């Protein structure tokens, strides 16, 4: 998401603290926070307006590039998980429809006229 992040020389890679885990809501503590707006704020920081998908609480933050990068990676991971879940649910739904259609064909419940308008 934050593709234009600049690389800082000698940037330390450390584990995120609770204060820099932007995906966690400061009000309800769920991990459904997403960015509504964002922009560069100086050479090494980002300003973001964040909203919780659970309680709808909003907050503004200004974070370093490394924190924004971790947040972007976290959002990308969550997006991939949602896409996989949606594909799995869609496949399950289609399999159910195929079973119903096959059963209707076996019982001779479908005629060519069913497909005409």
N, C-alpha and C. Protein backbone atom coordinates (compact mmCIF):
# COMPACT_ATOMS: atom_id res chain seq x y z
N UNK A 1 0.82 -1.18 0.00
CA UNK A 1 0.00 0.00 0.00
C UNK A 1 0.86 1.25 0.00
N UNK A 2 1.88 1.27 0.80
CA UNK A 2 2.73 2.45 0.88
C UNK A 2 3.96 2.19 0.01
N UNK A 3 3.73 2.14 -1.30
CA UNK A 3 4.75 1.71 -2.25
C UNK A 3 5.90 2.69 -2.39
N UNK A 4 5.67 3.95 -2.11
CA UNK A 4 6.70 4.94 -2.33
C UNK A 4 7.60 5.15 -1.11
N UNK A 5 7.59 4.22 -0.20
CA UNK A 5 8.43 4.38 0.99
C UNK A 5 9.89 4.48 0.59
N UNK A 6 10.56 5.39 1.20
CA UNK A 6 11.99 5.55 0.93
C UNK A 6 12.80 4.64 1.83
N UNK A 7 13.89 4.18 1.33
CA UNK A 7 14.78 3.33 2.14
C UNK A 7 15.76 4.21 2.89
N UNK A 8 15.84 4.00 4.18
CA UNK A 8 16.78 4.75 5.00
C UNK A 8 18.01 3.89 5.20
N UNK A 9 19.14 4.54 5.17
CA UNK A 9 20.38 3.81 5.42
C UNK A 9 20.44 3.45 6.89
N UNK A 10 20.92 2.24 7.17
CA UNK A 10 21.09 1.75 8.54
C UNK A 10 19.78 1.68 9.31
N UNK A 11 18.67 1.45 8.62
CA UNK A 11 17.39 1.33 9.32
C UNK A 11 17.36 0.02 10.07
N UNK A 12 16.99 0.10 11.33
CA UNK A 12 16.94 -1.10 12.16
C UNK A 12 15.61 -1.81 11.97
N UNK A 13 15.64 -3.13 11.87
CA UNK A 13 14.43 -3.92 11.79
C UNK A 13 14.17 -4.50 13.17
N UNK A 14 13.17 -3.98 13.85
CA UNK A 14 12.84 -4.46 15.18
C UNK A 14 11.39 -4.92 15.19
N UNK A 15 11.05 -5.68 16.22
CA UNK A 15 9.68 -6.15 16.36
C UNK A 15 8.78 -4.97 16.69
N UNK A 16 7.58 -4.94 16.12
CA UNK A 16 6.69 -3.82 16.39
C UNK A 16 6.21 -3.82 17.83
N UNK A 17 6.21 -2.66 18.46
CA UNK A 17 5.68 -2.54 19.80
C UNK A 17 4.18 -2.34 19.71
N UNK A 18 3.49 -2.39 20.83
CA UNK A 18 2.05 -2.17 20.84
C UNK A 18 1.71 -0.78 20.29
N UNK A 19 2.56 0.21 20.55
CA UNK A 19 2.30 1.56 20.07
C UNK A 19 2.40 1.66 18.56
N UNK A 20 3.16 0.79 17.92
CA UNK A 20 3.32 0.88 16.46
C UNK A 20 2.51 -0.18 15.72
N UNK A 21 1.70 -0.95 16.43
CA UNK A 21 0.82 -1.92 15.76
C UNK A 21 -0.44 -1.18 15.36
N UNK A 22 -0.39 -0.54 14.21
CA UNK A 22 -1.46 0.33 13.78
C UNK A 22 -2.76 -0.41 13.51
N UNK A 23 -2.70 -1.71 13.23
CA UNK A 23 -3.91 -2.47 12.94
C UNK A 23 -4.75 -2.75 14.18
N UNK A 24 -4.23 -2.44 15.37
CA UNK A 24 -4.96 -2.66 16.61
C UNK A 24 -5.64 -1.36 17.04
N UNK A 25 -6.94 -1.43 17.27
CA UNK A 25 -7.72 -0.26 17.67
C UNK A 25 -7.39 0.13 19.11
N UNK A 26 -7.19 1.41 19.32
CA UNK A 26 -6.90 1.90 20.67
C UNK A 26 -8.17 1.97 21.52
N UNK A 27 -9.34 1.88 20.91
CA UNK A 27 -10.60 1.94 21.66
C UNK A 27 -11.11 0.56 22.04
N UNK A 28 -11.27 -0.33 21.05
CA UNK A 28 -11.87 -1.65 21.33
C UNK A 28 -10.85 -2.79 21.28
N UNK A 29 -9.63 -2.49 20.87
CA UNK A 29 -8.51 -3.44 20.83
C UNK A 29 -8.68 -4.56 19.79
N UNK A 30 -9.60 -4.40 18.85
CA UNK A 30 -9.70 -5.38 17.77
C UNK A 30 -8.60 -5.07 16.75
N UNK A 31 -8.36 -6.00 15.86
CA UNK A 31 -7.30 -5.79 14.86
C UNK A 31 -7.88 -5.57 13.47
N UNK A 32 -8.92 -4.71 13.39
CA UNK A 32 -9.58 -4.41 12.14
C UNK A 32 -9.38 -2.97 11.70
N UNK A 33 -8.27 -2.37 12.03
CA UNK A 33 -8.01 -0.97 11.68
C UNK A 33 -7.46 -0.90 10.26
N UNK A 34 -7.96 0.07 9.51
CA UNK A 34 -7.51 0.25 8.13
C UNK A 34 -7.30 1.75 7.86
N UNK A 35 -6.46 2.07 6.89
CA UNK A 35 -6.23 3.48 6.58
C UNK A 35 -7.34 4.04 5.69
N UNK A 36 -7.81 5.23 6.03
CA UNK A 36 -8.82 5.91 5.23
C UNK A 36 -8.12 6.89 4.29
N UNK A 37 -7.16 7.62 4.83
CA UNK A 37 -6.35 8.56 4.06
C UNK A 37 -4.93 8.47 4.56
N UNK A 38 -3.98 8.82 3.67
CA UNK A 38 -2.58 8.86 4.08
C UNK A 38 -1.81 9.75 3.12
N UNK A 39 -0.72 10.30 3.64
CA UNK A 39 0.15 11.11 2.80
C UNK A 39 1.52 11.18 3.46
N UNK A 40 2.52 11.48 2.64
CA UNK A 40 3.85 11.64 3.18
C UNK A 40 3.87 12.85 4.09
N UNK A 41 4.62 12.74 5.17
CA UNK A 41 4.73 13.82 6.14
C UNK A 41 6.21 14.03 6.42
N UNK A 42 6.84 14.83 5.62
CA UNK A 42 8.29 15.00 5.75
C UNK A 42 9.02 13.92 4.98
N UNK A 43 10.32 13.85 5.21
CA UNK A 43 11.16 12.91 4.47
C UNK A 43 11.06 11.47 4.95
N UNK A 44 10.73 11.26 6.21
CA UNK A 44 10.80 9.90 6.76
C UNK A 44 9.55 9.48 7.52
N UNK A 45 8.44 10.17 7.30
CA UNK A 45 7.22 9.85 8.04
C UNK A 45 6.00 9.87 7.13
N UNK A 46 4.94 9.27 7.64
CA UNK A 46 3.65 9.25 6.97
C UNK A 46 2.59 9.72 7.95
N UNK A 47 1.63 10.52 7.45
CA UNK A 47 0.44 10.86 8.21
C UNK A 47 -0.66 9.94 7.72
N UNK A 48 -1.46 9.40 8.66
CA UNK A 48 -2.56 8.51 8.28
C UNK A 48 -3.78 8.79 9.13
N UNK A 49 -4.93 8.71 8.49
CA UNK A 49 -6.20 8.70 9.19
C UNK A 49 -6.64 7.24 9.20
N UNK A 50 -6.79 6.67 10.39
CA UNK A 50 -7.12 5.26 10.54
C UNK A 50 -8.53 5.12 11.10
N UNK A 51 -9.22 4.06 10.69
CA UNK A 51 -10.57 3.78 11.19
C UNK A 51 -10.66 2.31 11.57
N UNK A 52 -11.34 2.04 12.66
CA UNK A 52 -11.56 0.66 13.10
C UNK A 52 -12.80 0.11 12.42
N UNK A 53 -12.69 -1.03 11.82
CA UNK A 53 -13.82 -1.67 11.17
C UNK A 53 -14.82 -2.25 12.16
N UNK A 54 -14.41 -2.42 13.39
CA UNK A 54 -15.31 -2.98 14.40
C UNK A 54 -16.13 -1.90 15.09
N UNK A 55 -15.47 -0.91 15.68
CA UNK A 55 -16.19 0.11 16.46
C UNK A 55 -16.28 1.46 15.75
N UNK A 56 -15.66 1.59 14.56
CA UNK A 56 -15.67 2.79 13.73
C UNK A 56 -14.90 3.96 14.33
N UNK A 57 -14.12 3.72 15.39
CA UNK A 57 -13.31 4.79 15.98
C UNK A 57 -12.25 5.22 14.96
N UNK A 58 -11.98 6.52 14.94
CA UNK A 58 -10.96 7.06 14.03
C UNK A 58 -9.85 7.69 14.85
N UNK A 59 -8.65 7.66 14.27
CA UNK A 59 -7.53 8.36 14.89
C UNK A 59 -6.55 8.76 13.80
N UNK A 60 -5.83 9.83 14.07
CA UNK A 60 -4.78 10.28 13.17
C UNK A 60 -3.45 9.91 13.80
N UNK A 61 -2.53 9.45 12.96
CA UNK A 61 -1.19 9.12 13.45
C UNK A 61 -0.15 9.65 12.48
N UNK A 62 1.01 9.88 12.99
CA UNK A 62 2.18 10.21 12.17
C UNK A 62 3.24 9.19 12.56
N UNK A 63 3.67 8.39 11.59
CA UNK A 63 4.57 7.28 11.88
C UNK A 63 5.77 7.30 10.95
N UNK A 64 6.83 6.65 11.40
CA UNK A 64 8.05 6.53 10.61
C UNK A 64 7.81 5.57 9.43
N UNK A 65 8.66 5.68 8.43
CA UNK A 65 8.56 4.83 7.24
C UNK A 65 8.52 3.35 7.59
N UNK A 66 9.36 2.91 8.53
CA UNK A 66 9.42 1.49 8.88
C UNK A 66 8.10 1.01 9.46
N UNK A 67 7.46 1.83 10.27
CA UNK A 67 6.16 1.47 10.86
C UNK A 67 5.11 1.40 9.76
N UNK A 68 5.10 2.37 8.86
CA UNK A 68 4.16 2.37 7.74
C UNK A 68 4.39 1.14 6.85
N UNK A 69 5.63 0.77 6.64
CA UNK A 69 5.94 -0.40 5.83
C UNK A 69 5.39 -1.67 6.48
N UNK A 70 5.59 -1.81 7.80
CA UNK A 70 5.05 -2.98 8.50
C UNK A 70 3.52 -3.02 8.41
N UNK A 71 2.90 -1.84 8.57
CA UNK A 71 1.44 -1.75 8.48
C UNK A 71 0.98 -2.15 7.08
N UNK A 72 1.66 -1.65 6.06
CA UNK A 72 1.32 -2.01 4.69
C UNK A 72 1.47 -3.50 4.44
N UNK A 73 2.53 -4.10 4.97
CA UNK A 73 2.73 -5.55 4.83
C UNK A 73 1.61 -6.31 5.54
N UNK A 74 1.22 -5.83 6.72
CA UNK A 74 0.13 -6.45 7.47
C UNK A 74 -1.17 -6.37 6.70
N UNK A 75 -1.45 -5.22 6.09
CA UNK A 75 -2.66 -5.06 5.29
C UNK A 75 -2.62 -5.96 4.06
N UNK A 76 -1.46 -6.07 3.42
CA UNK A 76 -1.33 -6.95 2.25
C UNK A 76 -1.60 -8.40 2.62
N UNK A 77 -1.07 -8.83 3.78
CA UNK A 77 -1.29 -10.19 4.25
C UNK A 77 -2.77 -10.44 4.52
N UNK A 78 -3.42 -9.48 5.19
CA UNK A 78 -4.85 -9.62 5.49
C UNK A 78 -5.66 -9.67 4.20
N UNK A 79 -5.30 -8.85 3.22
CA UNK A 79 -6.00 -8.85 1.93
C UNK A 79 -5.87 -10.21 1.24
N UNK A 80 -4.69 -10.79 1.29
CA UNK A 80 -4.48 -12.12 0.68
C UNK A 80 -5.32 -13.18 1.38
N UNK A 81 -5.37 -13.11 2.71
CA UNK A 81 -6.18 -14.07 3.47
C UNK A 81 -7.66 -13.94 3.12
N UNK A 82 -8.14 -12.70 2.98
CA UNK A 82 -9.55 -12.50 2.62
C UNK A 82 -9.83 -13.00 1.21
N UNK A 83 -8.91 -12.78 0.29
CA UNK A 83 -9.10 -13.25 -1.08
C UNK A 83 -9.15 -14.78 -1.13
N UNK A 84 -8.27 -15.44 -0.36
CA UNK A 84 -8.30 -16.91 -0.31
C UNK A 84 -9.60 -17.41 0.30
N UNK A 85 -10.08 -16.76 1.36
CA UNK A 85 -11.33 -17.17 2.00
C UNK A 85 -12.50 -16.96 1.06
N UNK A 86 -12.52 -15.84 0.35
CA UNK A 86 -13.60 -15.58 -0.60
C UNK A 86 -13.60 -16.61 -1.73
N UNK A 87 -12.42 -16.97 -2.23
CA UNK A 87 -12.33 -17.97 -3.30
C UNK A 87 -12.82 -19.33 -2.80
N UNK A 88 -12.46 -19.68 -1.56
CA UNK A 88 -12.89 -20.96 -0.99
C UNK A 88 -14.41 -20.98 -0.83
N UNK A 89 -14.98 -19.90 -0.30
CA UNK A 89 -16.43 -19.83 -0.12
C UNK A 89 -17.15 -19.86 -1.46
N UNK A 90 -16.60 -19.20 -2.47
CA UNK A 90 -17.21 -19.20 -3.79
C UNK A 90 -17.19 -20.60 -4.39
N UNK A 91 -16.08 -21.31 -4.21
CA UNK A 91 -15.98 -22.68 -4.73
C UNK A 91 -16.98 -23.60 -4.02
N UNK A 92 -17.12 -23.42 -2.71
CA UNK A 92 -18.10 -24.21 -1.96
C UNK A 92 -19.52 -23.93 -2.44
N UNK A 93 -19.83 -22.65 -2.67
CA UNK A 93 -21.16 -22.27 -3.16
C UNK A 93 -21.43 -22.89 -4.53
N UNK A 94 -20.44 -22.80 -5.41
CA UNK A 94 -20.62 -23.35 -6.76
C UNK A 94 -20.77 -24.86 -6.71
N UNK A 95 -20.02 -25.53 -5.83
CA UNK A 95 -20.14 -26.99 -5.71
C UNK A 95 -21.55 -27.37 -5.27
N UNK A 96 -22.10 -26.59 -4.35
CA UNK A 96 -23.48 -26.84 -3.91
C UNK A 96 -24.47 -26.67 -5.03
N UNK A 97 -24.28 -25.63 -5.84
CA UNK A 97 -25.17 -25.39 -6.97
C UNK A 97 -25.07 -26.51 -8.00
N UNK A 98 -23.88 -27.01 -8.23
CA UNK A 98 -23.68 -28.11 -9.18
C UNK A 98 -24.41 -29.35 -8.68
N UNK A 99 -24.32 -29.63 -7.38
CA UNK A 99 -25.01 -30.80 -6.83
C UNK A 99 -26.52 -30.69 -7.01
N UNK A 100 -27.07 -29.53 -6.75
CA UNK A 100 -28.51 -29.31 -6.90
C UNK A 100 -28.90 -29.44 -8.38
N UNK A 101 -28.11 -28.87 -9.26
CA UNK A 101 -28.39 -28.94 -10.70
C UNK A 101 -28.32 -30.39 -11.19
N UNK A 102 -27.29 -31.13 -10.74
CA UNK A 102 -27.16 -32.53 -11.15
C UNK A 102 -28.33 -33.37 -10.64
N UNK A 103 -28.77 -33.12 -9.41
CA UNK A 103 -29.91 -33.86 -8.86
C UNK A 103 -31.18 -33.54 -9.66
N UNK A 104 -31.35 -32.29 -10.04
CA UNK A 104 -32.52 -31.91 -10.83
C UNK A 104 -32.49 -32.59 -12.20
N UNK A 105 -31.30 -32.68 -12.80
CA UNK A 105 -31.17 -33.37 -14.09
C UNK A 105 -31.50 -34.85 -13.95
N UNK A 106 -31.00 -35.48 -12.89
CA UNK A 106 -31.27 -36.91 -12.67
C UNK A 106 -32.76 -37.18 -12.49
N UNK A 107 -33.48 -36.27 -11.88
CA UNK A 107 -34.91 -36.45 -11.62
C UNK A 107 -35.78 -35.92 -12.76
N UNK A 108 -35.11 -35.49 -13.83
CA UNK A 108 -35.80 -34.98 -15.01
C UNK A 108 -36.69 -33.79 -14.68
N UNK A 109 -36.19 -32.92 -13.81
CA UNK A 109 -36.93 -31.75 -13.38
C UNK A 109 -36.60 -30.51 -14.22
N UNK A 110 -35.63 -30.62 -15.09
CA UNK A 110 -35.21 -29.49 -15.91
C UNK A 110 -35.50 -29.80 -17.37
N UNK A 111 -36.11 -28.84 -18.04
CA UNK A 111 -36.45 -28.98 -19.45
C UNK A 111 -35.79 -27.87 -20.24
N UNK A 112 -35.65 -28.01 -21.56
CA UNK A 112 -35.06 -26.95 -22.38
C UNK A 112 -35.78 -25.62 -22.23
N UNK A 113 -37.08 -25.67 -22.00
CA UNK A 113 -37.86 -24.43 -21.87
C UNK A 113 -37.44 -23.64 -20.63
N UNK A 114 -36.81 -24.31 -19.65
CA UNK A 114 -36.35 -23.62 -18.45
C UNK A 114 -35.25 -22.62 -18.75
N UNK A 115 -34.62 -22.78 -19.90
CA UNK A 115 -33.49 -21.91 -20.25
C UNK A 115 -33.85 -20.86 -21.30
N UNK A 116 -35.12 -20.80 -21.67
CA UNK A 116 -35.59 -19.80 -22.63
C UNK A 116 -36.19 -18.64 -21.88
N UNK A 117 -36.14 -17.52 -22.51
CA UNK A 117 -36.71 -16.32 -21.86
C UNK A 117 -38.06 -16.04 -22.34
